[in-house]
Amino acid sequence: MKIILFGATGDAGSAALRAAVARGHQVTAVSRQPQALAGLSPLVTPQPLDLMADPQAAAETARGHDLAISALRPPAGREADLVPLTRAALDAARLAGIPVLVTGGAATLKLADGSGHTVLSAPGFLPESVRPIAEACAAQDALLEAETETEWTCLRPPALLTEGPQTGRYRFGTDTLVTDADGASQISFADFGAALLDLAEHPRGSRQRLTVAWGAPAPALAAG
C-alpha cells in the first residue's frame, strides 16, 4: 500500500509511520521538519510541506497514493489550528480521490459510567491545561460530521494516550470510552499507531468515528 502521512513527526504520526514501515508499506511522510525523517527507511520518502499554506501542493502530492493518514496536531497555544489543518487534509484527500484516516481526540466520547457525560462535559474530568485541545477536538468532530464529500474514518484515542510498549491487546469501540477490566481507559502511542494501520489495511466503512484502547491492564503500569 502507498500511504501519504500528514503530521509524520508528531507523537501519533511517528507511531503510525513506524507501524506502516514494519508492515512493508511505502510512506510519503509529510512534515514541516523533513530532516527529522531522514534515513529512517527506504520505504519512507520525506516530503516538506506546510498543509495550510499550500493546500494545492498537498493535493498534488497526495495523488497516486492509496490512502492518506492525517495525524496532525497543532502546538500548545495554537489549538484552534486543528480544524483548518483537518480541513486541508480532507480537501487534499478528496482532490486526490483517496480515503483519509484522521486521528481525532477523546473529547466527545461518552464516559463508561453511564452518566451520559462526555470527556469534555463531565465536571472535573479534564485538567484545565488540556481543555483547549479538547475543545478543538470537539470542533474537529463537528467538522467531520458535516463532511459528506470525502471518504473519511476517524480514530479517537482513549482518555490517556501515553508512551509504552506495543502489546497488540487493544480493542475498538465507537462512541464510548473503551476501558480495561480495572476501569482504566488508555493506550500507548505504539498501539495507537498499530490500530491506525489495522484500519488502513482493513477498512470498516467510511464516515465513521471509532475509538481504541487497551483491553487489559497496561503492562508498563502494572510492572511499576
N, C-alpha and C. Protein backbone atom coordinates (compact mmCIF):
# COMPACT_ATOMS: atom_id res chain seq x y z
N MET A 1 0.85 -1.19 0.00
CA MET A 1 0.00 0.00 0.00
C MET A 1 0.89 1.24 0.00
N LYS A 2 0.46 2.27 -0.70
CA LYS A 2 1.18 3.53 -0.74
C LYS A 2 0.39 4.57 0.06
N ILE A 3 0.99 5.06 1.12
CA ILE A 3 0.29 5.94 2.08
C ILE A 3 0.96 7.30 2.11
N ILE A 4 0.16 8.36 2.15
CA ILE A 4 0.68 9.68 2.45
C ILE A 4 0.28 10.02 3.87
N LEU A 5 1.25 10.40 4.68
CA LEU A 5 1.04 10.62 6.11
C LEU A 5 1.31 12.07 6.44
N PHE A 6 0.26 12.80 6.79
CA PHE A 6 0.38 14.20 7.21
C PHE A 6 0.64 14.24 8.72
N GLY A 7 1.64 15.03 9.12
CA GLY A 7 1.98 15.10 10.54
C GLY A 7 2.87 13.94 10.97
N ALA A 8 3.83 13.60 10.12
CA ALA A 8 4.61 12.38 10.33
C ALA A 8 5.61 12.45 11.47
N THR A 9 5.90 13.66 11.98
CA THR A 9 6.89 13.77 13.05
C THR A 9 6.26 13.98 14.43
N GLY A 10 4.94 14.04 14.51
CA GLY A 10 4.29 14.14 15.82
C GLY A 10 4.24 12.79 16.52
N ASP A 11 3.72 12.77 17.73
CA ASP A 11 3.68 11.53 18.52
C ASP A 11 2.87 10.45 17.82
N ALA A 12 1.63 10.76 17.44
CA ALA A 12 0.79 9.77 16.78
C ALA A 12 1.30 9.49 15.37
N GLY A 13 1.76 10.53 14.68
CA GLY A 13 2.26 10.35 13.33
C GLY A 13 3.51 9.47 13.29
N SER A 14 4.41 9.68 14.24
CA SER A 14 5.62 8.86 14.30
C SER A 14 5.27 7.40 14.56
N ALA A 15 4.30 7.17 15.43
CA ALA A 15 3.87 5.80 15.73
C ALA A 15 3.24 5.15 14.51
N ALA A 16 2.41 5.90 13.78
CA ALA A 16 1.80 5.38 12.57
C ALA A 16 2.86 5.08 11.51
N LEU A 17 3.87 5.95 11.42
CA LEU A 17 4.94 5.74 10.46
C LEU A 17 5.71 4.46 10.77
N ARG A 18 6.05 4.25 12.03
CA ARG A 18 6.77 3.03 12.40
C ARG A 18 5.94 1.78 12.10
N ALA A 19 4.64 1.85 12.38
CA ALA A 19 3.77 0.70 12.12
C ALA A 19 3.67 0.43 10.63
N ALA A 20 3.57 1.49 9.82
CA ALA A 20 3.44 1.31 8.38
C ALA A 20 4.71 0.69 7.79
N VAL A 21 5.87 1.17 8.23
CA VAL A 21 7.14 0.64 7.74
C VAL A 21 7.31 -0.82 8.16
N ALA A 22 6.94 -1.13 9.40
CA ALA A 22 7.06 -2.50 9.90
C ALA A 22 6.22 -3.47 9.08
N ARG A 23 5.14 -2.96 8.49
CA ARG A 23 4.24 -3.82 7.69
C ARG A 23 4.55 -3.75 6.19
N GLY A 24 5.62 -3.04 5.85
CA GLY A 24 6.08 -3.03 4.47
C GLY A 24 5.41 -2.05 3.53
N HIS A 25 4.72 -1.05 4.08
CA HIS A 25 4.04 -0.06 3.23
C HIS A 25 5.01 1.06 2.84
N GLN A 26 4.79 1.62 1.65
CA GLN A 26 5.53 2.80 1.22
C GLN A 26 4.83 4.03 1.79
N VAL A 27 5.61 4.95 2.37
CA VAL A 27 5.02 6.11 3.02
C VAL A 27 5.67 7.40 2.53
N THR A 28 4.85 8.32 2.06
CA THR A 28 5.28 9.69 1.84
C THR A 28 5.00 10.43 3.13
N ALA A 29 6.07 10.79 3.84
CA ALA A 29 5.95 11.34 5.19
C ALA A 29 6.03 12.86 5.13
N VAL A 30 4.87 13.50 5.30
CA VAL A 30 4.78 14.95 5.16
C VAL A 30 5.02 15.62 6.51
N SER A 31 5.91 16.61 6.49
CA SER A 31 6.21 17.34 7.72
C SER A 31 6.85 18.67 7.35
N ARG A 32 6.71 19.65 8.25
CA ARG A 32 7.45 20.89 8.07
C ARG A 32 8.88 20.74 8.55
N GLN A 33 9.21 19.57 9.12
CA GLN A 33 10.57 19.28 9.58
C GLN A 33 11.05 17.96 8.96
N PRO A 34 11.20 17.91 7.65
CA PRO A 34 11.54 16.64 6.98
C PRO A 34 12.90 16.09 7.37
N GLN A 35 13.79 16.95 7.88
CA GLN A 35 15.11 16.47 8.29
C GLN A 35 15.02 15.44 9.40
N ALA A 36 13.94 15.49 10.17
CA ALA A 36 13.76 14.52 11.26
C ALA A 36 13.43 13.13 10.73
N LEU A 37 13.11 13.04 9.46
CA LEU A 37 12.71 11.76 8.86
C LEU A 37 13.81 11.14 8.01
N ALA A 38 14.92 11.83 7.89
CA ALA A 38 15.98 11.36 7.00
C ALA A 38 16.57 10.05 7.50
N GLY A 39 16.78 9.12 6.57
CA GLY A 39 17.46 7.87 6.89
C GLY A 39 16.65 6.86 7.67
N LEU A 40 15.34 7.06 7.79
CA LEU A 40 14.53 6.14 8.59
C LEU A 40 14.40 4.78 7.92
N SER A 41 14.07 4.76 6.64
CA SER A 41 13.84 3.51 5.92
C SER A 41 13.75 3.82 4.44
N PRO A 42 14.17 2.87 3.59
CA PRO A 42 13.98 3.08 2.15
C PRO A 42 12.50 3.19 1.76
N LEU A 43 11.61 2.74 2.64
CA LEU A 43 10.18 2.81 2.37
C LEU A 43 9.61 4.20 2.62
N VAL A 44 10.39 5.08 3.26
CA VAL A 44 9.90 6.41 3.65
C VAL A 44 10.49 7.47 2.73
N THR A 45 9.60 8.29 2.16
CA THR A 45 10.01 9.45 1.37
C THR A 45 9.61 10.71 2.11
N PRO A 46 10.57 11.42 2.74
CA PRO A 46 10.23 12.67 3.42
C PRO A 46 9.75 13.72 2.44
N GLN A 47 8.73 14.46 2.84
CA GLN A 47 8.15 15.48 1.96
C GLN A 47 7.90 16.75 2.75
N PRO A 48 8.69 17.81 2.52
CA PRO A 48 8.43 19.07 3.21
C PRO A 48 7.18 19.74 2.64
N LEU A 49 6.28 20.12 3.54
CA LEU A 49 5.03 20.72 3.07
C LEU A 49 4.32 21.38 4.25
N ASP A 50 3.87 22.60 4.03
CA ASP A 50 3.01 23.28 5.00
C ASP A 50 1.58 23.17 4.47
N LEU A 51 0.81 22.31 5.08
CA LEU A 51 -0.50 21.94 4.57
C LEU A 51 -1.44 23.13 4.42
N MET A 52 -1.45 24.01 5.42
CA MET A 52 -2.37 25.14 5.37
C MET A 52 -1.88 26.22 4.41
N ALA A 53 -0.57 26.34 4.27
CA ALA A 53 -0.02 27.39 3.41
C ALA A 53 -0.17 27.06 1.93
N ASP A 54 -0.14 25.76 1.61
CA ASP A 54 -0.18 25.36 0.19
C ASP A 54 -1.07 24.13 0.01
N PRO A 55 -2.39 24.29 0.14
CA PRO A 55 -3.30 23.14 0.03
C PRO A 55 -3.28 22.49 -1.35
N GLN A 56 -3.04 23.28 -2.40
CA GLN A 56 -3.00 22.70 -3.74
C GLN A 56 -1.81 21.76 -3.88
N ALA A 57 -0.67 22.12 -3.32
CA ALA A 57 0.51 21.25 -3.34
C ALA A 57 0.23 19.97 -2.57
N ALA A 58 -0.54 20.08 -1.49
CA ALA A 58 -0.88 18.88 -0.70
C ALA A 58 -1.71 17.92 -1.54
N ALA A 59 -2.66 18.44 -2.29
CA ALA A 59 -3.50 17.58 -3.14
C ALA A 59 -2.67 16.93 -4.24
N GLU A 60 -1.77 17.71 -4.84
CA GLU A 60 -0.92 17.15 -5.90
C GLU A 60 0.01 16.07 -5.35
N THR A 61 0.53 16.29 -4.14
CA THR A 61 1.41 15.31 -3.52
C THR A 61 0.64 14.04 -3.18
N ALA A 62 -0.63 14.18 -2.80
CA ALA A 62 -1.43 13.02 -2.40
C ALA A 62 -1.84 12.13 -3.57
N ARG A 63 -1.85 12.68 -4.77
CA ARG A 63 -2.28 11.89 -5.92
C ARG A 63 -1.34 10.70 -6.15
N GLY A 64 -1.93 9.57 -6.50
CA GLY A 64 -1.13 8.38 -6.73
C GLY A 64 -0.96 7.50 -5.50
N HIS A 65 -1.46 7.96 -4.35
CA HIS A 65 -1.43 7.16 -3.14
C HIS A 65 -2.74 6.39 -3.00
N ASP A 66 -2.71 5.37 -2.16
CA ASP A 66 -3.91 4.58 -1.89
C ASP A 66 -4.73 5.13 -0.74
N LEU A 67 -4.05 5.86 0.14
CA LEU A 67 -4.69 6.29 1.40
C LEU A 67 -3.91 7.46 1.98
N ALA A 68 -4.63 8.36 2.63
CA ALA A 68 -4.00 9.42 3.42
C ALA A 68 -4.27 9.15 4.89
N ILE A 69 -3.29 9.45 5.73
CA ILE A 69 -3.47 9.45 7.18
C ILE A 69 -3.15 10.85 7.67
N SER A 70 -4.07 11.46 8.39
CA SER A 70 -3.85 12.77 8.97
C SER A 70 -3.65 12.62 10.47
N ALA A 71 -2.39 12.79 10.91
CA ALA A 71 -2.07 12.72 12.33
C ALA A 71 -1.63 14.09 12.83
N LEU A 72 -2.28 15.11 12.32
CA LEU A 72 -1.89 16.48 12.60
C LEU A 72 -2.33 16.93 13.99
N ARG A 73 -1.43 17.61 14.69
CA ARG A 73 -1.74 18.20 15.99
C ARG A 73 -1.00 19.52 16.12
N PRO A 74 -1.72 20.62 16.33
CA PRO A 74 -1.04 21.91 16.47
C PRO A 74 -0.34 22.02 17.82
N PRO A 75 0.68 22.88 17.92
CA PRO A 75 1.37 23.06 19.20
C PRO A 75 0.50 23.80 20.21
N ALA A 76 0.88 23.74 21.46
CA ALA A 76 0.16 24.45 22.52
C ALA A 76 0.09 25.94 22.19
N GLY A 77 -1.09 26.49 22.41
CA GLY A 77 -1.31 27.89 22.10
C GLY A 77 -1.91 28.12 20.73
N ARG A 78 -1.88 27.06 19.88
CA ARG A 78 -2.44 27.19 18.53
C ARG A 78 -3.47 26.08 18.29
N GLU A 79 -4.15 25.70 19.34
CA GLU A 79 -5.12 24.61 19.25
C GLU A 79 -6.20 24.86 18.20
N ALA A 80 -6.56 26.13 18.00
CA ALA A 80 -7.60 26.46 17.02
C ALA A 80 -7.20 26.09 15.60
N ASP A 81 -5.91 25.84 15.37
CA ASP A 81 -5.46 25.44 14.03
C ASP A 81 -5.91 24.03 13.66
N LEU A 82 -6.37 23.25 14.64
CA LEU A 82 -6.70 21.85 14.35
C LEU A 82 -7.79 21.73 13.28
N VAL A 83 -8.80 22.55 13.36
CA VAL A 83 -9.89 22.46 12.39
C VAL A 83 -9.42 22.81 10.98
N PRO A 84 -8.75 23.96 10.77
CA PRO A 84 -8.28 24.23 9.40
C PRO A 84 -7.24 23.23 8.91
N LEU A 85 -6.42 22.68 9.79
CA LEU A 85 -5.47 21.64 9.39
C LEU A 85 -6.22 20.39 8.90
N THR A 86 -7.25 20.00 9.66
CA THR A 86 -8.05 18.84 9.28
C THR A 86 -8.79 19.11 7.99
N ARG A 87 -9.30 20.33 7.84
CA ARG A 87 -9.99 20.70 6.60
C ARG A 87 -9.05 20.57 5.40
N ALA A 88 -7.81 21.00 5.57
CA ALA A 88 -6.84 20.93 4.49
C ALA A 88 -6.53 19.48 4.13
N ALA A 89 -6.42 18.60 5.14
CA ALA A 89 -6.16 17.18 4.88
C ALA A 89 -7.34 16.52 4.18
N LEU A 90 -8.56 16.87 4.60
CA LEU A 90 -9.75 16.34 3.94
C LEU A 90 -9.81 16.77 2.48
N ASP A 91 -9.51 18.05 2.23
CA ASP A 91 -9.55 18.56 0.87
C ASP A 91 -8.49 17.90 0.00
N ALA A 92 -7.30 17.71 0.55
CA ALA A 92 -6.23 17.07 -0.20
C ALA A 92 -6.62 15.65 -0.60
N ALA A 93 -7.20 14.91 0.34
CA ALA A 93 -7.61 13.54 0.05
C ALA A 93 -8.75 13.52 -0.98
N ARG A 94 -9.71 14.43 -0.83
CA ARG A 94 -10.84 14.47 -1.77
C ARG A 94 -10.35 14.77 -3.18
N LEU A 95 -9.48 15.77 -3.32
CA LEU A 95 -9.00 16.15 -4.65
C LEU A 95 -8.12 15.05 -5.26
N ALA A 96 -7.46 14.28 -4.40
CA ALA A 96 -6.62 13.18 -4.88
C ALA A 96 -7.45 11.92 -5.14
N GLY A 97 -8.70 11.91 -4.70
CA GLY A 97 -9.58 10.77 -4.92
C GLY A 97 -9.24 9.57 -4.06
N ILE A 98 -8.76 9.82 -2.83
CA ILE A 98 -8.39 8.72 -1.94
C ILE A 98 -9.07 8.91 -0.58
N PRO A 99 -9.25 7.83 0.18
CA PRO A 99 -9.80 7.96 1.53
C PRO A 99 -8.76 8.51 2.49
N VAL A 100 -9.23 9.00 3.64
CA VAL A 100 -8.31 9.54 4.64
C VAL A 100 -8.70 9.02 6.02
N LEU A 101 -7.69 8.61 6.77
CA LEU A 101 -7.82 8.25 8.18
C LEU A 101 -7.40 9.45 9.01
N VAL A 102 -8.26 9.91 9.89
CA VAL A 102 -7.99 11.10 10.69
C VAL A 102 -7.81 10.70 12.16
N THR A 103 -6.74 11.16 12.79
CA THR A 103 -6.61 10.96 14.23
C THR A 103 -7.39 12.06 14.93
N GLY A 104 -8.33 11.65 15.76
CA GLY A 104 -9.17 12.61 16.47
C GLY A 104 -8.75 12.74 17.93
N GLY A 105 -9.68 13.20 18.74
CA GLY A 105 -9.46 13.33 20.17
C GLY A 105 -10.61 12.70 20.93
N ALA A 106 -10.43 12.53 22.23
CA ALA A 106 -11.43 11.82 23.04
C ALA A 106 -12.55 12.72 23.52
N ALA A 107 -12.53 14.00 23.18
CA ALA A 107 -13.42 14.99 23.80
C ALA A 107 -14.89 14.61 23.80
N THR A 108 -15.39 14.07 22.70
CA THR A 108 -16.82 13.81 22.60
C THR A 108 -17.19 12.37 22.92
N LEU A 109 -16.23 11.57 23.36
CA LEU A 109 -16.54 10.21 23.77
C LEU A 109 -17.29 10.22 25.10
N LYS A 110 -18.30 9.37 25.23
CA LYS A 110 -19.07 9.28 26.48
C LYS A 110 -18.27 8.50 27.52
N LEU A 111 -18.44 8.89 28.77
CA LEU A 111 -17.83 8.14 29.85
C LEU A 111 -18.48 6.77 29.97
N ALA A 112 -17.71 5.81 30.46
CA ALA A 112 -18.22 4.43 30.55
C ALA A 112 -19.11 4.22 31.77
N ASP A 113 -19.36 5.28 32.57
CA ASP A 113 -20.15 5.12 33.79
C ASP A 113 -21.66 5.25 33.56
N GLY A 114 -22.06 5.47 32.32
CA GLY A 114 -23.48 5.58 32.03
C GLY A 114 -24.10 6.91 32.38
N SER A 115 -23.28 7.88 32.77
CA SER A 115 -23.81 9.19 33.18
C SER A 115 -24.32 10.01 32.01
N GLY A 116 -23.89 9.67 30.81
CA GLY A 116 -24.26 10.47 29.64
C GLY A 116 -23.29 11.60 29.37
N HIS A 117 -22.40 11.87 30.32
CA HIS A 117 -21.39 12.91 30.13
C HIS A 117 -20.32 12.44 29.14
N THR A 118 -19.75 13.40 28.45
CA THR A 118 -18.60 13.13 27.61
C THR A 118 -17.32 13.52 28.37
N VAL A 119 -16.20 13.16 27.78
CA VAL A 119 -14.91 13.55 28.36
C VAL A 119 -14.86 15.06 28.55
N LEU A 120 -15.40 15.80 27.59
CA LEU A 120 -15.35 17.26 27.67
C LEU A 120 -16.39 17.84 28.63
N SER A 121 -17.57 17.22 28.71
CA SER A 121 -18.64 17.82 29.52
C SER A 121 -18.63 17.38 30.97
N ALA A 122 -17.98 16.28 31.31
CA ALA A 122 -18.01 15.76 32.68
C ALA A 122 -17.30 16.72 33.64
N PRO A 123 -17.96 17.13 34.71
CA PRO A 123 -17.33 18.05 35.66
C PRO A 123 -16.07 17.44 36.27
N GLY A 124 -14.98 18.20 36.19
CA GLY A 124 -13.74 17.79 36.84
C GLY A 124 -12.98 16.67 36.16
N PHE A 125 -13.46 16.19 35.02
CA PHE A 125 -12.77 15.06 34.38
C PHE A 125 -11.47 15.49 33.72
N LEU A 126 -11.50 16.64 33.05
CA LEU A 126 -10.31 17.12 32.34
C LEU A 126 -9.56 18.16 33.14
N PRO A 127 -8.23 18.08 33.19
CA PRO A 127 -7.45 19.20 33.72
C PRO A 127 -7.64 20.43 32.83
N GLU A 128 -7.64 21.60 33.42
CA GLU A 128 -7.84 22.81 32.65
C GLU A 128 -6.78 22.98 31.57
N SER A 129 -5.59 22.43 31.81
CA SER A 129 -4.49 22.61 30.86
C SER A 129 -4.75 21.94 29.51
N VAL A 130 -5.60 20.90 29.50
CA VAL A 130 -5.86 20.21 28.24
C VAL A 130 -7.22 20.58 27.64
N ARG A 131 -7.95 21.46 28.32
CA ARG A 131 -9.27 21.83 27.80
C ARG A 131 -9.20 22.50 26.43
N PRO A 132 -8.21 23.37 26.15
CA PRO A 132 -8.17 23.98 24.81
C PRO A 132 -8.06 22.96 23.68
N ILE A 133 -7.23 21.95 23.81
CA ILE A 133 -7.12 20.97 22.73
C ILE A 133 -8.35 20.08 22.70
N ALA A 134 -8.97 19.82 23.86
CA ALA A 134 -10.20 19.03 23.88
C ALA A 134 -11.31 19.77 23.15
N GLU A 135 -11.41 21.06 23.36
CA GLU A 135 -12.43 21.85 22.66
C GLU A 135 -12.15 21.88 21.16
N ALA A 136 -10.88 21.94 20.80
CA ALA A 136 -10.52 21.90 19.38
C ALA A 136 -10.89 20.55 18.77
N CYS A 137 -10.71 19.48 19.54
CA CYS A 137 -11.07 18.15 19.04
C CYS A 137 -12.58 18.00 18.88
N ALA A 138 -13.34 18.63 19.77
CA ALA A 138 -14.80 18.62 19.61
C ALA A 138 -15.21 19.36 18.34
N ALA A 139 -14.52 20.46 18.05
CA ALA A 139 -14.80 21.19 16.81
C ALA A 139 -14.38 20.36 15.60
N GLN A 140 -13.30 19.61 15.73
CA GLN A 140 -12.87 18.71 14.65
C GLN A 140 -13.94 17.65 14.39
N ASP A 141 -14.52 17.09 15.45
CA ASP A 141 -15.61 16.13 15.31
C ASP A 141 -16.78 16.73 14.54
N ALA A 142 -17.12 17.99 14.87
CA ALA A 142 -18.23 18.65 14.18
C ALA A 142 -17.92 18.85 12.70
N LEU A 143 -16.67 19.17 12.40
CA LEU A 143 -16.26 19.31 11.01
C LEU A 143 -16.45 17.99 10.25
N LEU A 144 -16.01 16.89 10.85
CA LEU A 144 -16.14 15.60 10.20
C LEU A 144 -17.60 15.21 10.04
N GLU A 145 -18.40 15.49 11.04
CA GLU A 145 -19.83 15.16 10.98
C GLU A 145 -20.50 15.82 9.78
N ALA A 146 -20.03 17.01 9.43
CA ALA A 146 -20.65 17.75 8.34
C ALA A 146 -20.03 17.42 6.98
N GLU A 147 -18.94 16.66 6.97
CA GLU A 147 -18.23 16.37 5.73
C GLU A 147 -18.87 15.19 4.99
N THR A 148 -19.36 15.45 3.81
CA THR A 148 -20.06 14.41 3.06
C THR A 148 -19.39 14.06 1.74
N GLU A 149 -18.34 14.77 1.36
CA GLU A 149 -17.70 14.55 0.07
C GLU A 149 -16.47 13.67 0.16
N THR A 150 -15.73 13.77 1.26
CA THR A 150 -14.51 13.00 1.42
C THR A 150 -14.81 11.67 2.12
N GLU A 151 -14.15 10.62 1.70
CA GLU A 151 -14.29 9.31 2.34
C GLU A 151 -13.33 9.26 3.53
N TRP A 152 -13.86 9.51 4.73
CA TRP A 152 -13.01 9.61 5.92
C TRP A 152 -13.39 8.59 6.97
N THR A 153 -12.43 8.24 7.80
CA THR A 153 -12.65 7.49 9.04
C THR A 153 -11.82 8.16 10.12
N CYS A 154 -12.38 8.32 11.30
CA CYS A 154 -11.68 8.99 12.39
C CYS A 154 -11.43 7.99 13.52
N LEU A 155 -10.18 7.91 13.98
CA LEU A 155 -9.85 7.08 15.13
C LEU A 155 -9.50 7.98 16.30
N ARG A 156 -10.27 7.84 17.39
CA ARG A 156 -10.08 8.68 18.57
C ARG A 156 -9.37 7.88 19.68
N PRO A 157 -8.44 8.48 20.37
CA PRO A 157 -7.75 7.79 21.44
C PRO A 157 -8.62 7.68 22.68
N PRO A 158 -8.20 6.91 23.68
CA PRO A 158 -8.92 6.85 24.95
C PRO A 158 -8.59 8.06 25.81
N ALA A 159 -8.92 7.98 27.09
CA ALA A 159 -8.68 9.11 27.99
C ALA A 159 -7.19 9.42 28.13
N LEU A 160 -6.34 8.38 28.07
CA LEU A 160 -4.90 8.58 28.24
C LEU A 160 -4.15 7.94 27.09
N LEU A 161 -3.39 8.76 26.39
CA LEU A 161 -2.52 8.30 25.31
C LEU A 161 -1.10 8.58 25.77
N THR A 162 -0.29 7.54 25.92
CA THR A 162 0.97 7.68 26.62
C THR A 162 2.07 6.87 25.97
N GLU A 163 3.30 7.09 26.43
CA GLU A 163 4.40 6.24 26.00
C GLU A 163 4.22 4.85 26.61
N GLY A 164 4.73 3.84 25.94
CA GLY A 164 4.59 2.49 26.45
C GLY A 164 4.84 1.48 25.35
N PRO A 165 4.75 0.21 25.67
CA PRO A 165 5.07 -0.84 24.70
C PRO A 165 3.95 -1.05 23.69
N GLN A 166 4.30 -1.72 22.60
CA GLN A 166 3.29 -2.20 21.67
C GLN A 166 2.88 -3.60 22.11
N THR A 167 1.62 -3.75 22.48
CA THR A 167 1.15 -5.01 23.05
C THR A 167 0.23 -5.79 22.12
N GLY A 168 -0.47 -5.07 21.24
CA GLY A 168 -1.48 -5.72 20.41
C GLY A 168 -2.74 -6.09 21.16
N ARG A 169 -2.85 -5.67 22.43
CA ARG A 169 -4.01 -6.05 23.25
C ARG A 169 -5.03 -4.92 23.35
N TYR A 170 -5.35 -4.36 22.24
CA TYR A 170 -6.32 -3.25 22.22
C TYR A 170 -7.61 -3.71 21.55
N ARG A 171 -8.66 -2.96 21.83
CA ARG A 171 -9.93 -3.26 21.16
C ARG A 171 -10.60 -1.96 20.76
N PHE A 172 -11.40 -2.05 19.72
CA PHE A 172 -12.06 -0.87 19.17
C PHE A 172 -13.43 -0.66 19.80
N GLY A 173 -13.86 0.59 19.77
CA GLY A 173 -15.21 0.95 20.20
C GLY A 173 -15.74 2.04 19.28
N THR A 174 -16.87 2.63 19.67
CA THR A 174 -17.48 3.66 18.83
C THR A 174 -17.59 5.00 19.57
N ASP A 175 -18.64 5.18 20.36
CA ASP A 175 -18.91 6.50 20.95
C ASP A 175 -18.65 6.58 22.45
N THR A 176 -18.22 5.48 23.05
CA THR A 176 -17.97 5.44 24.50
C THR A 176 -16.53 5.05 24.76
N LEU A 177 -15.92 5.64 25.78
CA LEU A 177 -14.55 5.28 26.14
C LEU A 177 -14.42 3.78 26.33
N VAL A 178 -13.43 3.19 25.71
CA VAL A 178 -13.12 1.78 25.94
C VAL A 178 -12.26 1.69 27.21
N THR A 179 -12.63 0.81 28.12
CA THR A 179 -11.89 0.65 29.37
C THR A 179 -11.45 -0.80 29.54
N ASP A 180 -10.41 -0.99 30.37
CA ASP A 180 -9.98 -2.35 30.66
C ASP A 180 -10.72 -2.87 31.89
N ALA A 181 -10.32 -4.04 32.38
CA ALA A 181 -11.02 -4.67 33.50
C ALA A 181 -10.92 -3.85 34.78
N ASP A 182 -9.91 -2.98 34.85
CA ASP A 182 -9.74 -2.13 36.03
C ASP A 182 -10.42 -0.77 35.88
N GLY A 183 -11.09 -0.57 34.76
CA GLY A 183 -11.79 0.70 34.53
C GLY A 183 -10.93 1.79 33.93
N ALA A 184 -9.66 1.47 33.61
CA ALA A 184 -8.77 2.47 33.01
C ALA A 184 -9.00 2.54 31.51
N SER A 185 -8.86 3.74 30.96
CA SER A 185 -9.02 3.97 29.53
C SER A 185 -7.72 4.56 29.01
N GLN A 186 -6.89 3.72 28.41
CA GLN A 186 -5.56 4.18 28.00
C GLN A 186 -5.00 3.29 26.90
N ILE A 187 -3.97 3.82 26.24
CA ILE A 187 -3.26 3.07 25.20
C ILE A 187 -1.91 3.74 24.98
N SER A 188 -0.95 2.99 24.49
CA SER A 188 0.35 3.56 24.14
C SER A 188 0.28 4.14 22.72
N PHE A 189 1.18 5.09 22.45
CA PHE A 189 1.27 5.61 21.08
C PHE A 189 1.56 4.47 20.11
N ALA A 190 2.40 3.51 20.54
CA ALA A 190 2.77 2.39 19.65
C ALA A 190 1.55 1.58 19.25
N ASP A 191 0.69 1.27 20.21
CA ASP A 191 -0.51 0.50 19.89
C ASP A 191 -1.53 1.35 19.13
N PHE A 192 -1.58 2.64 19.41
CA PHE A 192 -2.49 3.52 18.66
C PHE A 192 -2.07 3.57 17.20
N GLY A 193 -0.75 3.67 16.94
CA GLY A 193 -0.26 3.64 15.57
C GLY A 193 -0.58 2.33 14.89
N ALA A 194 -0.44 1.22 15.62
CA ALA A 194 -0.77 -0.09 15.05
C ALA A 194 -2.25 -0.18 14.72
N ALA A 195 -3.10 0.39 15.58
CA ALA A 195 -4.54 0.36 15.34
C ALA A 195 -4.90 1.18 14.10
N LEU A 196 -4.22 2.30 13.89
CA LEU A 196 -4.44 3.09 12.68
C LEU A 196 -4.13 2.24 11.44
N LEU A 197 -3.03 1.50 11.49
CA LEU A 197 -2.67 0.67 10.33
C LEU A 197 -3.63 -0.49 10.15
N ASP A 198 -4.19 -1.00 11.26
CA ASP A 198 -5.25 -2.02 11.13
C ASP A 198 -6.40 -1.49 10.29
N LEU A 199 -6.80 -0.24 10.57
CA LEU A 199 -7.91 0.35 9.84
C LEU A 199 -7.52 0.67 8.40
N ALA A 200 -6.25 1.01 8.19
CA ALA A 200 -5.78 1.26 6.83
C ALA A 200 -5.85 -0.01 5.99
N GLU A 201 -5.47 -1.12 6.59
CA GLU A 201 -5.43 -2.39 5.87
C GLU A 201 -6.79 -3.08 5.79
N HIS A 202 -7.62 -2.82 6.79
CA HIS A 202 -8.93 -3.47 6.84
C HIS A 202 -10.00 -2.42 7.17
N PRO A 203 -10.38 -1.59 6.19
CA PRO A 203 -11.36 -0.52 6.43
C PRO A 203 -12.68 -1.06 6.98
N ARG A 204 -13.32 -0.26 7.84
CA ARG A 204 -14.60 -0.65 8.43
C ARG A 204 -15.74 0.20 7.90
N GLY A 205 -15.57 0.75 6.72
CA GLY A 205 -16.59 1.63 6.17
C GLY A 205 -16.21 3.08 6.35
N SER A 206 -16.76 3.94 5.53
CA SER A 206 -16.38 5.35 5.57
C SER A 206 -17.30 6.15 6.47
N ARG A 207 -16.82 7.36 6.81
CA ARG A 207 -17.53 8.33 7.64
C ARG A 207 -17.96 7.72 8.97
N GLN A 208 -16.99 7.09 9.62
CA GLN A 208 -17.20 6.53 10.94
C GLN A 208 -16.20 7.12 11.92
N ARG A 209 -16.63 7.35 13.15
CA ARG A 209 -15.72 7.76 14.22
C ARG A 209 -15.61 6.60 15.20
N LEU A 210 -14.40 6.10 15.35
CA LEU A 210 -14.12 4.96 16.22
C LEU A 210 -13.19 5.39 17.34
N THR A 211 -13.01 4.51 18.29
CA THR A 211 -12.01 4.73 19.33
C THR A 211 -11.32 3.40 19.61
N VAL A 212 -10.20 3.45 20.31
CA VAL A 212 -9.44 2.24 20.61
C VAL A 212 -8.72 2.43 21.94
N ALA A 213 -8.59 1.35 22.69
CA ALA A 213 -7.87 1.39 23.97
C ALA A 213 -7.44 -0.02 24.34
N TRP A 214 -6.53 -0.11 25.29
CA TRP A 214 -6.12 -1.42 25.80
C TRP A 214 -7.32 -2.13 26.41
N GLY A 215 -7.43 -3.40 26.12
CA GLY A 215 -8.48 -4.22 26.71
C GLY A 215 -8.01 -4.97 27.93
N ALA A 216 -6.76 -4.75 28.33
CA ALA A 216 -6.20 -5.39 29.53
C ALA A 216 -5.38 -4.34 30.26
N PRO A 217 -5.13 -4.49 31.57
CA PRO A 217 -4.32 -3.51 32.31
C PRO A 217 -2.98 -3.27 31.63
N ALA A 218 -2.53 -2.03 31.66
CA ALA A 218 -1.29 -1.67 30.99
C ALA A 218 -0.10 -2.37 31.61
N PRO A 219 0.67 -3.12 30.82
CA PRO A 219 1.79 -3.87 31.40
C PRO A 219 2.87 -2.97 31.99
N ALA A 220 3.10 -1.82 31.36
CA ALA A 220 4.14 -0.93 31.88
C ALA A 220 3.73 -0.39 33.26
N LEU A 221 2.45 -0.06 33.42
CA LEU A 221 1.99 0.47 34.70
C LEU A 221 1.93 -0.64 35.75
N ALA A 222 1.53 -1.83 35.34
CA ALA A 222 1.44 -2.93 36.28
C ALA A 222 2.82 -3.29 36.82
N ALA A 223 3.86 -3.16 35.96
CA ALA A 223 5.20 -3.51 36.39
C ALA A 223 5.75 -2.53 37.40
N GLY A 224 5.22 -1.32 37.37
CA GLY A 224 5.72 -0.30 38.28
C GLY A 224 4.96 -0.26 39.56
